[in-house]
Amino acid sequence: MIGVWALVAYIAVIAVWVMLLKRNVAEAMIVGFISTLPFLGGDWLSLGWEALFTAITDEIAYATVMFVFMGYVLERNGVMTRMIDLLNSILGGVKGGPAYVSTVGAAALGSVVHNQAAIAATVGSVTIPWMRRAQLPARDATVVVAGNAGMGITFPFSASMFVLVGSASMAGVLTAEQLVIPLLIGGLWCFLYRLIVTWIIVRRSPMRAMAKEDRLPFRAAFRSGWPTLLLFFAVAVPLLMTTEPLAGWISAYLGAPVGDSVSIIFWIPMFLIAAGMLIGWRELPKSWHDWKRLLADSAPRFPTVGVTVLFAFAGANAVAATGMADQMTGLLGGLNIPLWVLAIAIGVIVILVAAPLSASATMAAVGAVSVLALVSAGVPATTAAVAVLVFSSCEAAVPPGGAPLYVAAGIANVNPIKTFGKMAVYYAFPTLFIGVLIILGVLPV
């Protein structure tokens, strides 16, 4: 069971580094990778280098960094603000309008940007003041924004999705292309639930409709914001090119499978960056000096994300090299328990790991093994992966909580500890329930 012990040590080292030593998650992933090396035996140097080299050369690591840059561009040129203004003009006139704008805006932003802290910061900075002005208590406004930030994980092309499908132990089991549509459907289930939560919070609050002067008229908002809808078209283009019947036509024309020519992992961030620049070109730099400043301002975002994903892959590859996946799958499979009990057990494990770690780090630590355990119990790989990603979206919903909760609490000037109860009741426990229902096939994906 050396692989299982390697996994335990890997998770423990990361948790101690983040929670007790208060260091950042990028450092934790490096130390976590190093902690796996003694478990590789006498050939640890070559196996460790192979794990690291495989991570460095994975196109998913590239895609993750490009998505980070894309998110920065969309924030920098005001595209996301225009999208939120458009939503506010539609929903702001009803009771609880700002809360619904926050929920729908987080879903729209989450389907494109995926970084939970960025979602909380972008949506929260606009909608928390609006919700407070509409008489929603600050604690509830914090809960809405932080809880909705989890949708960045439950829609396709998040870093967590790439970490999961990029794991060495998932080779031949699941690809990113196979996961796109099921995860989109799973994300929509989570979005529907969050709308219900928002309705409950609004109904129990003294909230009122937004004042007319606090929202743009629909015509003005639409005139300014309709181009933001091109972002979804930009995502659709490479998806359509790799989906039948268009994929068949392109393959016939090229004389080769379209997958050999079009990588959605490579092209989606490229299309989104191009669309974002086209939509917000007026706000982009006009000189080479200003472009250098923009790139320099975006640079601090890359080291943490890039290093985290790189060493998350490397650590997961190293743990996989110990045979952990087969050992853990055999261990869980040997329990001979009903599927619903296994689903709950895996959900609880993933959520507990997600409490101190980011969703990406959680997927690196226990994502692949959780999927494989469910697959061995007869659950389709895509269904298992969607459920595990749904579980991991609890990053901000359970103590000690992740960055989204603290970002939202900071904007609302609320003690985050006072939100833990509501976050658990409104988001953590229901998210566990949603994931279990997906595994059992009650919520189809």
Protein backbone atom coordinates (compact mmCIF):
# COMPACT_ATOMS: atom_id res chain seq x y z
CA MET A 1 0.00 0.00 0.00
CA ILE A 2 2.96 2.30 -0.59
CA GLY A 3 0.91 4.34 -3.06
CA VAL A 4 -1.83 5.04 -0.52
CA TRP A 5 0.76 6.19 2.02
CA ALA A 6 2.32 8.39 -0.66
CA LEU A 7 -1.06 10.02 -1.22
CA VAL A 8 -1.59 10.54 2.52
CA ALA A 9 1.85 12.10 2.89
CA TYR A 10 1.29 14.28 -0.17
CA ILE A 11 -2.00 15.68 1.14
CA ALA A 12 -0.66 16.09 4.70
CA VAL A 13 2.41 18.02 3.57
CA ILE A 14 0.34 20.37 1.40
CA ALA A 15 -2.21 20.94 4.17
CA VAL A 16 0.46 21.67 6.78
CA TRP A 17 2.30 24.02 4.44
CA VAL A 18 -0.87 26.00 3.67
CA MET A 19 -2.80 25.87 6.97
CA LEU A 20 -0.17 25.77 9.68
CA LEU A 21 2.78 27.51 8.05
CA LYS A 22 0.49 29.97 6.21
CA ARG A 23 2.50 29.71 2.99
CA ASN A 24 1.01 29.99 -0.49
CA VAL A 25 -0.35 27.04 -2.43
CA ALA A 26 2.34 27.22 -5.14
CA GLU A 27 5.05 26.56 -2.57
CA ALA A 28 2.89 23.83 -1.06
CA MET A 29 2.63 22.01 -4.40
CA ILE A 30 6.43 22.11 -4.84
CA VAL A 31 7.00 20.73 -1.34
CA GLY A 32 4.22 18.19 -1.91
CA PHE A 33 5.94 16.97 -5.08
CA ILE A 34 9.26 16.62 -3.24
CA SER A 35 7.53 14.66 -0.46
CA THR A 36 6.43 12.00 -2.97
CA LEU A 37 9.96 11.22 -4.16
CA PRO A 38 10.99 8.91 -1.27
CA PHE A 39 8.00 6.68 -2.07
CA LEU A 40 9.33 6.03 -5.59
CA GLY A 41 12.06 3.72 -4.30
CA GLY A 42 15.62 3.37 -5.57
CA ASP A 43 14.72 4.78 -8.99
CA TRP A 44 13.28 7.95 -7.47
CA LEU A 45 15.48 10.35 -9.43
CA SER A 46 14.52 9.14 -12.91
CA LEU A 47 10.87 8.59 -11.98
CA GLY A 48 10.68 12.02 -10.36
CA TRP A 49 12.24 13.69 -13.40
CA GLU A 50 9.84 11.81 -15.69
CA ALA A 51 6.89 13.02 -13.60
CA LEU A 52 8.13 16.62 -13.77
CA PHE A 53 9.03 16.49 -17.48
CA THR A 54 5.62 15.07 -18.35
CA ALA A 55 4.02 17.98 -16.48
CA ILE A 56 6.23 20.57 -18.22
CA THR A 57 5.40 19.28 -21.70
CA ASP A 58 1.64 18.93 -21.12
CA GLU A 59 -0.41 21.33 -23.26
CA ILE A 60 -2.90 21.60 -20.40
CA ALA A 61 -0.32 23.54 -18.36
CA TYR A 62 -0.05 25.98 -21.26
CA ALA A 63 -3.83 26.30 -21.53
CA THR A 64 -4.20 27.10 -17.84
CA VAL A 65 -1.75 30.01 -18.07
CA MET A 66 -3.50 31.30 -21.20
CA PHE A 67 -6.85 31.23 -19.42
CA VAL A 68 -5.32 33.32 -16.63
CA PHE A 69 -4.12 35.90 -19.15
CA MET A 70 -7.52 35.83 -20.83
CA GLY A 71 -9.24 36.60 -17.53
CA TYR A 72 -6.90 39.52 -16.96
CA VAL A 73 -7.61 40.95 -20.43
CA LEU A 74 -11.38 40.70 -19.93
CA GLU A 75 -11.11 42.50 -16.58
CA ARG A 76 -8.64 45.08 -17.90
CA ASN A 77 -10.73 46.20 -20.88
CA GLY A 78 -14.05 46.32 -19.00
CA VAL A 79 -15.76 43.49 -20.89
CA MET A 80 -16.97 41.76 -17.73
CA THR A 81 -18.27 45.01 -16.25
CA ARG A 82 -20.33 45.60 -19.39
CA MET A 83 -21.77 42.09 -19.15
CA ILE A 84 -22.81 42.70 -15.53
CA ASP A 85 -24.33 46.08 -16.47
CA LEU A 86 -26.42 44.32 -19.10
CA LEU A 87 -27.65 41.73 -16.59
CA ASN A 88 -28.43 44.46 -14.06
CA SER A 89 -30.56 46.34 -16.59
CA ILE A 90 -32.63 43.19 -17.10
CA LEU A 91 -32.95 41.93 -13.51
CA GLY A 92 -32.26 44.94 -11.32
CA GLY A 93 -35.84 46.19 -11.36
CA VAL A 94 -37.28 43.23 -9.42
CA LYS A 95 -36.99 42.49 -5.71
CA GLY A 96 -33.64 40.88 -5.15
CA GLY A 97 -32.50 41.97 -8.58
CA PRO A 98 -28.88 42.67 -7.54
CA ALA A 99 -28.65 39.20 -5.94
CA TYR A 100 -29.93 37.57 -9.13
CA VAL A 101 -27.51 39.70 -11.15
CA SER A 102 -24.73 38.47 -8.87
CA THR A 103 -25.76 34.84 -9.43
CA VAL A 104 -26.24 35.05 -13.19
CA GLY A 105 -23.13 37.21 -13.55
CA ALA A 106 -21.05 34.70 -11.60
CA ALA A 107 -22.30 31.91 -13.86
CA ALA A 108 -21.50 33.92 -16.99
CA LEU A 109 -18.08 34.91 -15.68
CA GLY A 110 -17.42 31.44 -14.30
CA SER A 111 -18.06 29.86 -17.69
CA VAL A 112 -15.28 32.00 -19.12
CA VAL A 113 -12.76 32.95 -16.40
CA HIS A 114 -12.99 30.00 -13.91
CA ASN A 115 -10.81 31.50 -11.20
CA GLN A 116 -13.02 31.56 -8.10
CA ALA A 117 -11.23 34.46 -6.42
CA ALA A 118 -11.41 36.50 -9.63
CA ILE A 119 -15.13 35.78 -9.93
CA ALA A 120 -15.74 36.86 -6.35
CA ALA A 121 -13.66 40.02 -6.82
CA THR A 122 -15.11 41.02 -10.19
CA VAL A 123 -18.77 40.27 -9.46
CA GLY A 124 -18.57 41.14 -5.77
CA SER A 125 -17.00 44.56 -6.26
CA VAL A 126 -19.99 45.56 -8.38
CA THR A 127 -22.91 43.64 -6.88
CA ILE A 128 -22.14 43.66 -3.13
CA PRO A 129 -22.57 47.45 -2.87
CA TRP A 130 -25.76 47.16 -4.95
CA MET A 131 -27.10 44.39 -2.72
CA ARG A 132 -26.30 46.40 0.40
CA ARG A 133 -28.02 49.45 -1.08
CA ALA A 134 -31.07 47.26 -1.73
CA GLN A 135 -31.14 46.32 2.01
CA LEU A 136 -29.61 42.83 1.82
CA PRO A 137 -27.56 42.22 5.02
CA ALA A 138 -23.81 42.31 4.46
CA ARG A 139 -23.36 38.72 5.64
CA ASP A 140 -25.93 37.44 3.16
CA ALA A 141 -24.33 39.45 0.35
CA THR A 142 -21.00 37.85 1.21
CA VAL A 143 -22.53 34.37 1.20
CA VAL A 144 -24.17 34.92 -2.20
CA VAL A 145 -20.97 36.11 -3.87
CA ALA A 146 -18.66 33.52 -2.28
CA GLY A 147 -21.09 30.65 -2.87
CA ASN A 148 -21.61 31.58 -6.50
CA ALA A 149 -17.86 31.72 -7.13
CA GLY A 150 -17.84 27.91 -7.07
CA MET A 151 -19.39 27.92 -10.54
CA GLY A 152 -15.95 28.67 -11.93
CA ILE A 153 -15.13 25.00 -11.25
CA THR A 154 -18.38 23.44 -12.44
CA PHE A 155 -18.17 24.75 -16.01
CA PRO A 156 -15.74 23.44 -18.65
CA PHE A 157 -12.12 24.52 -19.04
CA SER A 158 -11.26 25.34 -15.46
CA ALA A 159 -7.75 24.61 -14.23
CA SER A 160 -9.27 21.92 -11.98
CA MET A 161 -10.73 20.16 -15.02
CA PHE A 162 -7.34 20.21 -16.73
CA VAL A 163 -5.55 18.95 -13.63
CA LEU A 164 -8.03 16.07 -13.36
CA VAL A 165 -7.94 14.89 -16.98
CA GLY A 166 -4.20 15.57 -17.24
CA SER A 167 -3.32 13.16 -14.46
CA ALA A 168 -1.20 10.23 -15.63
CA SER A 169 -3.59 7.74 -14.04
CA MET A 170 -6.45 9.12 -16.16
CA ALA A 171 -4.70 8.30 -19.44
CA GLY A 172 -7.00 6.14 -21.54
CA VAL A 173 -9.88 6.69 -19.11
CA LEU A 174 -11.07 10.19 -19.95
CA THR A 175 -10.07 13.12 -22.18
CA ALA A 176 -10.88 16.80 -21.95
CA GLU A 177 -12.96 16.61 -25.12
CA GLN A 178 -15.17 13.85 -23.66
CA LEU A 179 -15.77 15.85 -20.48
CA VAL A 180 -16.83 19.19 -22.02
CA ILE A 181 -20.55 18.61 -22.62
CA PRO A 182 -21.22 16.52 -19.46
CA LEU A 183 -19.48 19.15 -17.31
CA LEU A 184 -21.48 21.91 -18.99
CA ILE A 185 -24.69 20.08 -18.05
CA GLY A 186 -23.39 19.52 -14.51
CA GLY A 187 -22.57 23.22 -14.29
CA LEU A 188 -26.12 24.09 -15.32
CA TRP A 189 -27.51 21.87 -12.54
CA CYS A 190 -25.33 23.76 -10.05
CA PHE A 191 -26.44 27.08 -11.55
CA LEU A 192 -30.09 26.11 -11.20
CA TYR A 193 -29.55 25.22 -7.55
CA ARG A 194 -27.80 28.53 -6.88
CA LEU A 195 -30.75 30.41 -8.37
CA ILE A 196 -32.97 28.60 -5.87
CA VAL A 197 -30.62 29.53 -3.00
CA THR A 198 -30.64 33.16 -4.14
CA TRP A 199 -34.45 33.12 -4.21
CA ILE A 200 -34.53 31.73 -0.64
CA ILE A 201 -32.07 34.35 0.63
CA VAL A 202 -33.97 37.18 -1.07
CA ARG A 203 -37.31 35.91 0.22
CA ARG A 204 -36.02 35.88 3.81
CA SER A 205 -34.48 39.35 3.58
CA PRO A 206 -35.87 42.90 3.60
CA MET A 207 -34.38 43.37 0.15
CA ARG A 208 -36.09 45.63 -2.36
CA ALA A 209 -35.72 46.33 -6.08
CA MET A 210 -32.84 48.46 -7.31
CA ALA A 211 -33.58 52.15 -7.70
CA LYS A 212 -33.93 53.22 -11.30
CA GLU A 213 -31.01 55.62 -11.05
CA ASP A 214 -28.72 52.77 -9.94
CA ARG A 215 -29.08 50.81 -13.17
CA LEU A 216 -28.59 51.57 -16.81
CA PRO A 217 -31.63 51.60 -19.09
CA PHE A 218 -31.85 48.37 -21.03
CA ARG A 219 -31.23 50.02 -24.38
CA ALA A 220 -28.06 51.73 -23.16
CA ALA A 221 -26.81 48.58 -21.40
CA PHE A 222 -27.62 46.42 -24.43
CA ARG A 223 -25.97 48.85 -26.83
CA SER A 224 -22.81 48.72 -24.73
CA GLY A 225 -22.97 45.10 -23.58
CA TRP A 226 -24.33 42.98 -26.42
CA PRO A 227 -20.84 42.40 -27.89
CA THR A 228 -19.92 40.50 -24.70
CA LEU A 229 -22.14 37.68 -25.97
CA LEU A 230 -19.45 37.05 -28.59
CA LEU A 231 -17.41 35.42 -25.81
CA PHE A 232 -19.77 32.45 -25.85
CA PHE A 233 -19.54 32.29 -29.64
CA ALA A 234 -15.74 32.22 -29.30
CA VAL A 235 -16.03 29.16 -27.04
CA ALA A 236 -18.50 27.51 -29.41
CA VAL A 237 -16.30 27.72 -32.53
CA PRO A 238 -13.62 25.16 -31.55
CA LEU A 239 -16.26 23.00 -29.86
CA LEU A 240 -18.33 22.86 -33.06
CA MET A 241 -15.21 22.13 -35.09
CA THR A 242 -14.55 19.01 -33.01
CA THR A 243 -18.18 17.84 -32.76
CA GLU A 244 -20.23 15.99 -35.36
CA PRO A 245 -21.33 16.69 -38.02
CA LEU A 246 -18.91 19.57 -38.59
CA ALA A 247 -15.96 17.54 -37.32
CA GLY A 248 -16.73 14.85 -39.91
CA TRP A 249 -16.86 17.35 -42.74
CA ILE A 250 -13.57 18.95 -41.69
CA SER A 251 -11.95 15.53 -41.29
CA ALA A 252 -13.10 14.50 -44.76
CA TYR A 253 -11.73 17.73 -46.22
CA LEU A 254 -8.38 17.44 -44.44
CA GLY A 255 -8.09 13.71 -44.97
CA ALA A 256 -7.25 13.26 -41.28
CA PRO A 257 -9.17 13.22 -37.98
CA VAL A 258 -9.98 16.78 -36.98
CA GLY A 259 -8.59 16.12 -33.52
CA ASP A 260 -5.14 15.94 -35.09
CA SER A 261 -5.56 19.48 -36.41
CA VAL A 262 -7.73 21.26 -33.85
CA SER A 263 -7.06 21.08 -30.13
CA ILE A 264 -9.87 22.69 -28.15
CA ILE A 265 -7.54 22.99 -25.16
CA PHE A 266 -5.18 25.11 -27.29
CA TRP A 267 -7.70 27.12 -29.29
CA ILE A 268 -10.41 28.08 -26.80
CA PRO A 269 -8.25 30.52 -24.81
CA MET A 270 -6.87 31.88 -28.08
CA PHE A 271 -10.38 32.52 -29.44
CA LEU A 272 -11.49 34.06 -26.14
CA ILE A 273 -8.49 36.39 -25.97
CA ALA A 274 -9.10 37.48 -29.56
CA ALA A 275 -12.82 38.03 -28.90
CA GLY A 276 -12.11 39.92 -25.66
CA MET A 277 -9.64 42.20 -27.43
CA LEU A 278 -12.09 42.79 -30.26
CA ILE A 279 -14.94 43.65 -27.90
CA GLY A 280 -12.89 45.93 -25.65
CA TRP A 281 -10.39 47.28 -28.18
CA ARG A 282 -11.09 50.88 -27.17
CA GLU A 283 -9.70 50.18 -23.69
CA LEU A 284 -6.59 48.38 -24.89
CA PRO A 285 -3.15 50.04 -24.95
CA LYS A 286 -2.37 52.10 -28.02
CA SER A 287 1.41 52.16 -27.78
CA TRP A 288 4.18 49.61 -27.31
CA HIS A 289 5.06 51.21 -23.96
CA ASP A 290 1.48 50.76 -22.72
CA TRP A 291 1.42 47.16 -23.96
CA LYS A 292 4.60 46.43 -22.00
CA ARG A 293 2.97 47.92 -18.92
CA LEU A 294 -0.16 45.76 -19.42
CA LEU A 295 1.94 42.62 -19.75
CA ALA A 296 4.01 43.61 -16.72
CA ASP A 297 0.84 44.20 -14.67
CA SER A 298 -0.50 40.78 -15.65
CA ALA A 299 2.77 38.99 -14.84
CA PRO A 300 2.18 38.58 -11.05
CA ARG A 301 -0.83 36.38 -11.82
CA PHE A 302 1.18 33.75 -13.64
CA PRO A 303 3.79 32.43 -11.19
CA THR A 304 1.34 31.18 -8.57
CA VAL A 305 -1.11 29.65 -11.06
CA GLY A 306 1.58 28.30 -13.37
CA VAL A 307 3.72 26.82 -10.60
CA THR A 308 0.65 25.41 -8.85
CA VAL A 309 -0.60 23.62 -11.95
CA LEU A 310 2.87 22.47 -13.03
CA PHE A 311 3.77 20.91 -9.69
CA ALA A 312 0.21 19.69 -9.15
CA PHE A 313 0.69 17.67 -12.35
CA ALA A 314 4.17 16.61 -11.29
CA GLY A 315 3.01 15.54 -7.82
CA ALA A 316 0.03 13.67 -9.22
CA ASN A 317 2.28 11.94 -11.77
CA ALA A 318 4.74 10.94 -9.05
CA VAL A 319 2.00 9.56 -6.80
CA ALA A 320 0.55 7.70 -9.79
CA ALA A 321 3.97 6.13 -10.42
CA THR A 322 3.74 4.43 -7.01
CA GLY A 323 0.69 2.47 -8.19
CA MET A 324 -1.59 4.46 -5.91
CA ALA A 325 -4.56 4.46 -8.28
CA ASP A 326 -4.80 0.67 -8.47
CA GLN A 327 -4.20 0.33 -4.74
CA MET A 328 -6.80 2.91 -3.76
CA THR A 329 -9.31 1.60 -6.27
CA GLY A 330 -8.83 -1.91 -4.94
CA LEU A 331 -9.15 -0.65 -1.37
CA LEU A 332 -12.38 1.22 -2.02
CA GLY A 333 -13.72 -1.49 -4.30
CA GLY A 334 -13.05 -4.11 -1.66
CA LEU A 335 -15.33 -2.36 0.80
CA ASN A 336 -18.35 -3.93 -0.94
CA ILE A 337 -20.66 -1.04 -0.04
CA PRO A 338 -23.67 0.30 -1.93
CA LEU A 339 -22.97 2.89 -4.60
CA TRP A 340 -24.76 5.65 -2.73
CA VAL A 341 -22.57 5.07 0.34
CA LEU A 342 -19.44 5.10 -1.83
CA ALA A 343 -20.63 8.32 -3.50
CA ILE A 344 -21.14 10.03 -0.14
CA ALA A 345 -17.78 8.77 1.17
CA ILE A 346 -15.89 10.08 -1.88
CA GLY A 347 -17.80 13.36 -1.76
CA VAL A 348 -16.90 13.88 1.89
CA ILE A 349 -13.23 13.05 1.23
CA VAL A 350 -13.02 15.50 -1.69
CA ILE A 351 -14.79 18.28 0.25
CA LEU A 352 -12.58 17.80 3.31
CA VAL A 353 -9.47 18.01 1.15
CA ALA A 354 -10.90 21.08 -0.63
CA ALA A 355 -11.37 22.88 2.69
CA PRO A 356 -7.71 23.83 3.18
CA LEU A 357 -6.65 23.52 -0.47
CA SER A 358 -7.67 25.07 -3.77
CA ALA A 359 -9.89 23.10 -6.13
CA SER A 360 -6.92 22.52 -8.46
CA ALA A 361 -4.77 21.19 -5.63
CA THR A 362 -7.67 18.99 -4.52
CA MET A 363 -7.95 17.49 -7.99
CA ALA A 364 -4.21 16.85 -8.03
CA ALA A 365 -4.40 15.13 -4.65
CA VAL A 366 -7.54 13.00 -4.81
CA GLY A 367 -9.32 13.78 -8.09
CA ALA A 368 -8.10 10.94 -10.28
CA VAL A 369 -8.32 8.27 -7.60
CA SER A 370 -11.88 9.35 -6.76
CA VAL A 371 -12.92 9.07 -10.39
CA LEU A 372 -11.25 5.68 -10.79
CA ALA A 373 -12.93 4.35 -7.63
CA LEU A 374 -16.32 5.36 -9.00
CA VAL A 375 -15.52 3.91 -12.43
CA SER A 376 -14.60 0.60 -10.80
CA ALA A 377 -18.06 0.65 -9.17
CA GLY A 378 -19.70 0.94 -12.61
CA VAL A 379 -20.12 4.71 -12.90
CA PRO A 380 -19.32 6.15 -16.37
CA ALA A 381 -16.02 8.06 -16.36
CA THR A 382 -17.59 11.33 -17.52
CA THR A 383 -20.28 11.14 -14.84
CA ALA A 384 -17.72 10.37 -12.13
CA ALA A 385 -15.50 13.26 -13.23
CA VAL A 386 -18.38 15.75 -13.24
CA ALA A 387 -19.42 14.70 -9.73
CA VAL A 388 -15.87 14.93 -8.37
CA LEU A 389 -15.45 18.42 -9.86
CA VAL A 390 -18.78 19.43 -8.32
CA PHE A 391 -17.55 18.20 -4.93
CA SER A 392 -14.31 20.18 -5.31
CA SER A 393 -16.21 23.42 -6.01
CA CYS A 394 -16.78 23.67 -2.23
CA GLU A 395 -13.40 25.42 -1.94
CA ALA A 396 -15.00 28.52 -0.40
CA ALA A 397 -17.95 26.82 1.28
CA VAL A 398 -16.28 24.92 4.13
CA PRO A 399 -13.93 26.14 6.88
CA PRO A 400 -11.24 27.33 6.76
CA GLY A 401 -12.47 28.35 3.34
CA GLY A 402 -10.68 29.52 0.23
CA ALA A 403 -9.83 32.87 -1.28
CA PRO A 404 -13.33 33.63 -2.71
CA LEU A 405 -14.88 33.82 0.76
CA TYR A 406 -12.21 36.17 2.08
CA VAL A 407 -12.40 38.34 -1.03
CA ALA A 408 -16.18 38.69 -0.71
CA ALA A 409 -15.98 39.24 3.05
CA GLY A 410 -13.38 41.94 2.54
CA ILE A 411 -15.56 43.79 0.04
CA ALA A 412 -18.58 43.57 2.37
CA ASN A 413 -16.51 44.31 5.50
CA VAL A 414 -17.76 41.15 7.20
CA ASN A 415 -15.95 38.74 9.52
CA PRO A 416 -15.69 35.61 7.33
CA ILE A 417 -15.96 33.31 10.34
CA LYS A 418 -19.55 34.47 10.81
CA THR A 419 -20.44 33.19 7.34
CA PHE A 420 -19.21 29.61 7.81
CA GLY A 421 -22.57 28.31 9.03
CA LYS A 422 -24.58 29.73 6.15
CA MET A 423 -21.95 28.69 3.62
CA ALA A 424 -22.19 25.11 4.86
CA VAL A 425 -26.00 25.05 4.93
CA TYR A 426 -26.61 26.85 1.65
CA TYR A 427 -23.70 25.54 -0.44
CA ALA A 428 -21.46 22.81 1.06
CA PHE A 429 -24.07 20.21 2.06
CA PRO A 430 -26.29 20.78 -1.02
CA THR A 431 -23.25 20.56 -3.30
CA LEU A 432 -22.43 17.18 -1.76
CA PHE A 433 -26.03 16.15 -2.41
CA ILE A 434 -25.91 17.32 -6.04
CA GLY A 435 -22.71 15.38 -6.68
CA VAL A 436 -24.20 12.21 -5.19
CA LEU A 437 -27.34 12.58 -7.33
CA ILE A 438 -25.14 12.96 -10.43
CA ILE A 439 -23.28 9.75 -9.54
CA LEU A 440 -26.54 7.88 -9.01
CA GLY A 441 -27.90 9.12 -12.35
CA VAL A 442 -30.79 11.05 -10.80
CA LEU A 443 -29.35 14.24 -12.29
CA PRO A 444 -28.25 13.17 -15.78
CA VAL A 445 -25.14 14.60 -17.37
